[in-house]
C-alpha atoms as a PDB file:
ATOM      1  CA  MET A   1     -77.345   3.427  14.600  1.00  0.00           C
ATOM      2  CA  ARG A   2     -76.322   6.808  15.965  1.00  0.00           C
ATOM      3  CA  TYR A   3     -73.904   7.635  19.047  1.00  0.00           C
ATOM      4  CA  ASP A   4     -72.335  10.652  19.027  1.00  0.00           C
ATOM      5  CA  HIS A   5     -69.956   9.767  21.901  1.00  0.00           C
ATOM      6  CA  LEU A   6     -66.306   8.039  20.909  1.00  0.00           C
ATOM      7  CA  LEU A   7     -67.393   4.414  21.090  1.00  0.00           C
ATOM      8  CA  PRO A   8     -65.543   1.668  23.742  1.00  0.00           C
ATOM      9  CA  VAL A   9     -63.093  -0.342  22.682  1.00  0.00           C
ATOM     10  CA  GLY A  10     -65.150  -4.461  21.867  1.00  0.00           C
ATOM     11  CA  SER A  11     -67.005  -1.850  19.369  1.00  0.00           C
ATOM     12  CA  LEU A  12     -68.339  -3.758  15.885  1.00  0.00           C
ATOM     13  CA  VAL A  13     -68.265  -1.640  13.019  1.00  0.00           C
ATOM     14  CA  LYS A  14     -68.157  -0.693   9.103  1.00  0.00           C
ATOM     15  CA  VAL A  15     -65.676   1.588   7.982  1.00  0.00           C
ATOM     16  CA  GLU A  16     -66.159   3.467   4.730  1.00  0.00           C
ATOM     17  CA  GLY A  17     -63.843   2.046   2.006  1.00  0.00           C
ATOM     18  CA  GLU A  18     -63.911  -1.046   3.668  1.00  0.00           C
ATOM     19  CA  GLU A  19     -65.068  -4.421   3.356  1.00  0.00           C
ATOM     20  CA  ARG A  20     -64.163  -6.089   6.646  1.00  0.00           C
ATOM     21  CA  ARG A  21     -65.822  -5.346   9.877  1.00  0.00           C
ATOM     22  CA  LEU A  22     -63.754  -3.669  12.493  1.00  0.00           C
ATOM     23  CA  MET A  23     -63.612  -3.965  15.982  1.00  0.00           C
ATOM     24  CA  ILE A  24     -62.270  -1.144  18.055  1.00  0.00           C
ATOM     25  CA  ILE A  25     -59.431  -1.357  20.059  1.00  0.00           C
ATOM     26  CA  GLY A  26     -57.891   1.533  21.229  1.00  0.00           C
ATOM     27  CA  CYS A  27     -58.916   5.001  21.251  1.00  0.00           C
ATOM     28  CA  ASN A  28     -56.907   8.322  20.484  1.00  0.00           C
ATOM     29  CA  MET A  29     -53.832   6.440  18.549  1.00  0.00           C
ATOM     30  CA  GLN A  30     -51.623   8.173  17.079  1.00  0.00           C
ATOM     31  CA  ASP A  31     -49.927   7.253  13.951  1.00  0.00           C
ATOM     32  CA  GLU A  32     -45.810   6.720  14.499  1.00  0.00           C
ATOM     33  CA  GLN A  33     -44.794   7.614  11.118  1.00  0.00           C
ATOM     34  CA  THR A  34     -47.332  10.297  10.773  1.00  0.00           C
ATOM     35  CA  GLY A  35     -47.836  11.467  13.903  1.00  0.00           C
ATOM     36  CA  ARG A  36     -51.364  12.015  12.358  1.00  0.00           C
ATOM     37  CA  ILE A  37     -54.293  11.285  15.733  1.00  0.00           C
ATOM     38  CA  PHE A  38     -57.179   9.182  14.745  1.00  0.00           C
ATOM     39  CA  ASP A  39     -59.910   8.464  17.201  1.00  0.00           C
ATOM     40  CA  TYR A  40     -60.021   4.147  17.062  1.00  0.00           C
ATOM     41  CA  CYS A  41     -57.752   1.878  15.976  1.00  0.00           C
ATOM     42  CA  GLY A  42     -59.587  -1.686  15.121  1.00  0.00           C
ATOM     43  CA  CYS A  43     -58.856  -5.407  14.382  1.00  0.00           C
ATOM     44  CA  PHE A  44     -60.430  -7.051  11.776  1.00  0.00           C
ATOM     45  CA  TYR A  45     -63.378  -8.958  12.691  1.00  0.00           C
ATOM     46  CA  PRO A  46     -63.568 -12.173  13.863  1.00  0.00           C
ATOM     47  CA  VAL A  47     -59.826 -12.974  12.846  1.00  0.00           C
ATOM     48  CA  GLY A  48     -58.548 -10.502  15.390  1.00  0.00           C
ATOM     49  CA  PHE A  49     -55.622  -8.779  16.110  1.00  0.00           C
ATOM     50  CA  LEU A  50     -52.518 -10.745  14.015  1.00  0.00           C
ATOM     51  CA  GLY A  51     -50.191  -8.091  14.802  1.00  0.00           C
ATOM     52  CA  PRO A  52     -49.523  -3.669  14.413  1.00  0.00           C
ATOM     53  CA  ASP A  53     -49.193  -4.025  10.677  1.00  0.00           C
ATOM     54  CA  GLN A  54     -52.933  -5.252  10.795  1.00  0.00           C
ATOM     55  CA  VAL A  55     -54.427  -2.632  12.754  1.00  0.00           C
ATOM     56  CA  ALA A  56     -56.465  -0.241  11.272  1.00  0.00           C
ATOM     57  CA  ASN A  57     -56.832   3.721  11.822  1.00  0.00           C
ATOM     58  CA  PHE A  58     -59.950   5.671  11.156  1.00  0.00           C
ATOM     59  CA  ASN A  59     -61.999   8.082  12.786  1.00  0.00           C
ATOM     60  CA  HIS A  60     -65.430   8.649  14.120  1.00  0.00           C
ATOM     61  CA  ARG A  61     -66.419  10.392  11.151  1.00  0.00           C
ATOM     62  CA  ASP A  62     -65.608   7.559   8.463  1.00  0.00           C
ATOM     63  CA  ILE A  63     -68.237   4.996  10.382  1.00  0.00           C
ATOM     64  CA  GLU A  64     -71.244   3.950   8.119  1.00  0.00           C
ATOM     65  CA  ILE A  65     -72.848   1.038  10.404  1.00  0.00           C
ATOM     66  CA  ILE A  66     -72.311   0.402  14.142  1.00  0.00           C
ATOM     67  CA  TYR A  67     -73.387  -3.170  14.303  1.00  0.00           C
ATOM     68  CA  ALA A  68     -72.610  -2.978  17.814  1.00  0.00           C
ATOM     69  CA  VAL A  69     -71.141  -0.782  21.043  1.00  0.00           C
ATOM     70  CA  GLY A  70     -68.808  -2.304  23.419  1.00  0.00           C
ATOM     71  CA  TYR A  71     -68.881  -2.794  26.933  1.00  0.00           C
ATOM     72  CA  LEU A  72     -69.930   0.551  29.519  1.00  0.00           C
ATOM     73  CA  ASP A  73     -69.734   0.763  32.470  1.00  0.00           C
ATOM     74  CA  GLU A  74     -68.775   3.826  34.988  1.00  0.00           C
ATOM     75  CA  GLU A  75     -65.450   3.492  34.652  1.00  0.00           C
ATOM     76  CA  SER A  76     -65.943   2.905  31.029  1.00  0.00           C
ATOM     77  CA  ARG A  77     -67.309   6.285  30.811  1.00  0.00           C
ATOM     78  CA  ALA A  78     -65.449   8.133  32.520  1.00  0.00           C
ATOM     79  CA  ASN A  79     -62.361   7.074  30.257  1.00  0.00           C
ATOM     80  CA  GLN A  80     -64.816   7.909  27.663  1.00  0.00           C
ATOM     81  CA  ALA A  81     -65.356  11.601  28.618  1.00  0.00           C
ATOM     82  CA  ALA A  82     -61.511  11.937  29.704  1.00  0.00           C
ATOM     83  CA  GLU A  83     -60.663  10.288  26.261  1.00  0.00           C
ATOM     84  CA  GLU A  84     -63.485  12.804  24.314  1.00  0.00           C
ATOM     85  CA  GLU A  85     -61.386  15.366  26.263  1.00  0.00           C
ATOM     86  CA  THR A  86     -57.526  14.379  25.118  1.00  0.00           C
ATOM     87  CA  ASN A  87     -59.028  14.078  21.691  1.00  0.00           C
ATOM     88  CA  ARG A  88     -59.960  17.219  21.610  1.00  0.00           C
ATOM     89  CA  LYS A  89     -57.148  19.154  22.694  1.00  0.00           C
ATOM     90  CA  ALA A  90     -55.048  17.066  20.924  1.00  0.00           C
ATOM     91  CA  ARG A  91     -56.817  17.735  17.762  1.00  0.00           C
ATOM     92  CA  GLU A  92     -56.224  21.513  18.097  1.00  0.00           C
ATOM     93  CA  SER A  93     -53.151  21.379  19.192  1.00  0.00           C
ATOM     94  CA  ALA A  94     -52.659  20.071  15.668  1.00  0.00           C
ATOM     95  CA  ALA A  95     -55.161  22.723  14.090  1.00  0.00           C
ATOM     96  CA  GLY A  96     -52.361  25.616  15.832  1.00  0.00           C
ATOM     97  CA  VAL A  97     -55.436  26.491  17.696  1.00  0.00           C
END
């Protein structure tokens, strides 16, 4: 499945280099140690959130398989557009554009 926008929370994906499936639990996440911004953070599925040390940060380009797209309604679509704009500005700022 191809999906050109940020996936909503609840989406289930397979990420390159990871054997287990991940469920997206957040978007536009910043790594506290490096300051690097990632498109998503996810917890391992079906286990769920076990703590901050069990969260994986990854980017949209790292997704190999989309198993399911999370819930979308008008509010989440508006949030999705805002998150994509925030993501674009953060990446431009980090690149010095």
